């Protein structure tokens, strides 16, 4: 083999290794993203650039109340009163990639995948109630200093009085009047949680950990 061919092969190997490392980091460690909706205002606004921490997903760790997470959007995002199963208030996911290529494209490259950013409100086994414009956990009002002063939390959906099932969380956007969240489609299974929002790196004047 000529020296030129060897140099080309070395470059090809380096590129392949770099791509593999990048995909491993993206899938299991962290990834940048851009906020595209208003559902987390004022904590985050459209155009904010974030670093997402995927290590909790890799460790299958349940998030804490107050954590801001990303998760796969459910297949069904709204229910009528007759459709909602209050004995099992869990979001429905109907799509499941079958082949290795489909799984790689959907789970690693995230082609055609839609994700939401919301804040964890209710944890497994807790009784969540939304009434009189406020949120109650096990009968006690939840203090939410991150909300705009005077903002009311309305029961905009069928899921507003229930017990959070095991291995799921109840999450809502901070901008309660413009957020499609668990009030509409139910609790999010742990395996569908993709990451925890970690750092905002743009704009620079807001650089730092997001809480």
Protein backbone atom coordinates (compact mmCIF):
# COMPACT_ATOMS: atom_id res chain seq x y z
CA UNK A 1 0.00 0.00 0.00
CA UNK A 2 1.33 3.41 -0.95
CA UNK A 3 2.08 6.09 1.62
CA UNK A 4 -0.70 8.26 0.18
CA UNK A 5 -3.26 5.46 0.61
CA UNK A 6 -2.09 4.92 4.19
CA UNK A 7 -2.52 8.63 4.94
CA UNK A 8 -6.05 8.57 3.53
CA UNK A 9 -6.94 5.51 5.61
CA UNK A 10 -5.57 7.15 8.74
CA UNK A 11 -7.72 10.20 8.11
CA UNK A 12 -10.77 7.99 7.52
CA UNK A 13 -10.11 6.11 10.78
CA UNK A 14 -9.73 9.40 12.66
CA UNK A 15 -12.99 10.73 11.25
CA UNK A 16 -14.86 7.53 12.09
CA UNK A 17 -13.50 7.53 15.65
CA UNK A 18 -14.37 11.23 16.08
CA UNK A 19 -17.94 10.62 14.87
CA UNK A 20 -18.35 7.65 17.21
CA UNK A 21 -17.05 9.66 20.19
CA UNK A 22 -19.37 12.56 19.32
CA UNK A 23 -22.38 10.23 19.09
CA UNK A 24 -21.52 8.55 22.40
CA UNK A 25 -21.24 11.95 24.13
CA UNK A 26 -24.48 13.14 22.51
CA UNK A 27 -26.36 9.99 23.54
CA UNK A 28 -25.01 9.36 27.04
CA UNK A 29 -23.36 12.55 28.37
CA UNK A 30 -24.71 15.86 27.07
CA UNK A 31 -25.79 17.87 24.07
CA UNK A 32 -26.53 21.53 23.20
CA UNK A 33 -30.02 22.66 22.24
CA UNK A 34 -32.02 25.80 21.50
CA UNK A 35 -35.26 26.79 23.25
CA UNK A 36 -37.94 27.12 20.56
CA UNK A 37 -41.17 27.70 22.51
CA UNK A 38 -42.51 30.03 25.24
CA UNK A 39 -43.69 27.33 27.64
CA UNK A 40 -40.86 27.91 30.15
CA UNK A 41 -41.04 31.74 30.23
CA UNK A 42 -39.65 33.60 32.18
CA UNK A 43 -37.10 30.98 33.26
CA UNK A 44 -36.14 30.42 29.63
CA UNK A 45 -37.08 32.30 26.49
CA UNK A 46 -37.04 31.49 22.79
CA UNK A 47 -33.49 31.52 21.46
CA UNK A 48 -31.79 30.58 24.74
CA UNK A 49 -29.03 28.03 24.12
CA UNK A 50 -28.64 25.27 26.67
CA UNK A 51 -26.45 22.32 27.55
CA UNK A 52 -28.50 19.24 28.42
CA UNK A 53 -27.14 16.71 30.91
CA UNK A 54 -27.91 13.14 29.79
CA UNK A 55 -26.02 11.35 32.57
CA UNK A 56 -29.17 10.99 34.77
CA UNK A 57 -30.86 9.16 31.87
CA UNK A 58 -27.83 6.92 31.44
CA UNK A 59 -28.00 6.13 35.18
CA UNK A 60 -31.81 5.78 35.05
CA UNK A 61 -32.04 8.30 37.89
CA UNK A 62 -35.39 9.78 38.86
CA UNK A 63 -35.33 13.60 38.71
CA UNK A 64 -36.13 15.77 41.73
CA UNK A 65 -38.98 18.23 42.11
CA UNK A 66 -38.04 21.51 40.48
CA UNK A 67 -35.65 19.97 37.96
CA UNK A 68 -36.15 21.15 34.39
CA UNK A 69 -36.11 18.16 32.08
CA UNK A 70 -36.55 17.26 28.45
CA UNK A 71 -38.63 14.28 27.43
CA UNK A 72 -39.99 12.64 24.33
CA UNK A 73 -43.34 14.11 23.29
CA UNK A 74 -46.21 11.65 23.77
CA UNK A 75 -48.05 10.19 20.78
CA UNK A 76 -51.35 11.60 22.08
CA UNK A 77 -51.23 15.09 23.57
CA UNK A 78 -54.87 15.72 24.52
CA UNK A 79 -57.77 13.69 25.92
CA UNK A 80 -61.47 14.20 26.33
CA UNK A 81 -63.06 13.45 29.68
CA UNK A 82 -64.17 10.02 28.52
CA UNK A 83 -60.78 9.10 27.05
CA UNK A 84 -58.61 9.90 30.08
CA UNK A 85 -57.83 6.87 32.26
CA UNK A 86 -57.49 8.40 35.71
CA UNK A 87 -56.60 5.04 37.23
CA UNK A 88 -53.44 5.07 35.10
CA UNK A 89 -52.63 8.72 34.28
CA UNK A 90 -49.57 7.98 32.16
CA UNK A 91 -48.75 9.55 28.79
CA UNK A 92 -49.15 7.21 25.81
CA UNK A 93 -46.30 6.38 23.45
CA UNK A 94 -47.33 4.34 20.44
CA UNK A 95 -44.28 4.61 18.20
CA UNK A 96 -41.53 2.07 18.79
CA UNK A 97 -38.72 1.77 16.21
CA UNK A 98 -38.16 -1.87 15.28
CA UNK A 99 -35.05 -2.25 13.15
CA UNK A 100 -31.53 -1.30 14.24
CA UNK A 101 -31.46 1.46 11.63
CA UNK A 102 -34.79 2.88 12.81
CA UNK A 103 -33.64 2.78 16.45
CA UNK A 104 -30.36 4.49 15.57
CA UNK A 105 -32.09 7.19 13.52
CA UNK A 106 -34.74 7.89 16.17
CA UNK A 107 -32.87 7.45 19.46
CA UNK A 108 -29.34 8.55 18.51
CA UNK A 109 -29.75 10.92 15.57
CA UNK A 110 -33.22 11.92 16.87
CA UNK A 111 -34.65 12.16 13.37
CA UNK A 112 -38.40 12.95 13.52
CA UNK A 113 -38.29 12.98 17.34
CA UNK A 114 -40.08 15.83 19.14
CA UNK A 115 -39.05 16.76 22.67
CA UNK A 116 -40.56 19.04 25.33
CA UNK A 117 -38.85 21.06 28.06
CA UNK A 118 -40.82 21.26 31.34
CA UNK A 119 -40.32 21.47 35.11
CA UNK A 120 -40.87 18.46 37.38
CA UNK A 121 -43.76 19.15 39.76
CA UNK A 122 -44.99 15.80 41.06
CA UNK A 123 -43.05 12.65 41.96
CA UNK A 124 -44.09 8.97 42.19
CA UNK A 125 -46.72 8.29 44.85
CA UNK A 126 -47.64 11.96 45.36
CA UNK A 127 -51.20 13.24 45.14
CA UNK A 128 -51.28 16.15 42.69
CA UNK A 129 -54.21 18.58 42.72
CA UNK A 130 -54.70 21.70 40.64
CA UNK A 131 -57.46 23.90 41.99
CA UNK A 132 -58.22 27.56 42.61
CA UNK A 133 -55.29 28.54 40.38
CA UNK A 134 -52.71 26.73 42.53
CA UNK A 135 -50.89 23.40 42.74
CA UNK A 136 -51.18 21.14 45.77
CA UNK A 137 -48.92 18.19 46.58
CA UNK A 138 -50.36 15.77 49.14
CA UNK A 139 -52.75 18.50 50.24
CA UNK A 140 -50.13 21.22 50.72
CA UNK A 141 -49.79 24.22 48.42
CA UNK A 142 -46.62 24.10 46.32
CA UNK A 143 -44.54 27.27 46.54
CA UNK A 144 -43.43 28.20 43.02
CA UNK A 145 -41.18 31.26 43.15
CA UNK A 146 -40.10 30.71 39.54
CA UNK A 147 -43.55 31.69 38.21
CA UNK A 148 -44.51 35.21 37.16
CA UNK A 149 -46.15 36.92 40.13
CA UNK A 150 -49.90 36.49 40.03
CA UNK A 151 -49.86 33.71 37.41
CA UNK A 152 -52.57 31.12 38.00
CA UNK A 153 -52.23 27.41 37.28
CA UNK A 154 -55.47 26.23 35.71
CA UNK A 155 -56.62 22.67 35.09
CA UNK A 156 -56.10 22.92 31.34
CA UNK A 157 -56.69 19.25 30.64
CA UNK A 158 -58.04 16.10 32.24
CA UNK A 159 -55.11 15.38 34.54
CA UNK A 160 -55.47 17.66 37.55
CA UNK A 161 -56.39 15.42 40.51
CA UNK A 162 -54.60 12.08 40.75
CA UNK A 163 -51.71 10.11 42.27
CA UNK A 164 -48.50 10.06 40.23
CA UNK A 165 -47.81 6.43 39.21
CA UNK A 166 -44.55 4.64 40.00
CA UNK A 167 -41.56 5.44 37.76
CA UNK A 168 -43.23 8.53 36.30
CA UNK A 169 -43.20 12.28 36.94
CA UNK A 170 -45.74 15.07 36.51
CA UNK A 171 -44.25 18.10 34.75
CA UNK A 172 -45.50 21.52 33.65
CA UNK A 173 -44.10 24.56 31.90
CA UNK A 174 -43.45 27.70 33.96
CA UNK A 175 -45.58 29.68 31.51
CA UNK A 176 -48.74 27.88 32.60
CA UNK A 177 -51.09 29.71 30.23
CA UNK A 178 -49.06 28.77 27.14
CA UNK A 179 -47.77 25.33 28.01
CA UNK A 180 -48.98 21.99 26.71
CA UNK A 181 -47.85 19.65 29.45
CA UNK A 182 -48.82 16.77 31.72
CA UNK A 183 -52.15 18.40 32.47
CA UNK A 184 -53.10 17.48 28.90
CA UNK A 185 -51.42 14.12 28.35
CA UNK A 186 -50.54 12.58 31.71
CA UNK A 187 -47.34 11.68 33.55
CA UNK A 188 -44.04 10.94 31.84
CA UNK A 189 -42.42 7.49 32.26
CA UNK A 190 -38.83 7.55 33.49
CA UNK A 191 -37.58 5.84 30.32
CA UNK A 192 -38.98 8.70 28.18
CA UNK A 193 -37.08 11.39 30.11
CA UNK A 194 -34.13 12.38 27.92
CA UNK A 195 -32.09 14.84 29.96
CA UNK A 196 -31.89 17.45 32.68
CA UNK A 197 -31.34 21.06 31.65
CA UNK A 198 -27.93 22.03 33.01
CA UNK A 199 -26.33 25.24 31.72
CA UNK A 200 -27.45 28.20 29.63
CA UNK A 201 -24.50 29.41 27.54
CA UNK A 202 -26.34 32.01 25.43
CA UNK A 203 -27.04 34.86 25.84
CA UNK A 204 -23.78 35.49 27.69
CA UNK A 205 -25.39 37.80 30.23
CA UNK A 206 -27.47 34.82 31.43
CA UNK A 207 -24.65 32.31 31.39
CA UNK A 208 -24.87 29.78 34.20
CA UNK A 209 -26.81 26.92 35.71
CA UNK A 210 -30.54 26.91 34.95
CA UNK A 211 -32.86 26.46 37.92
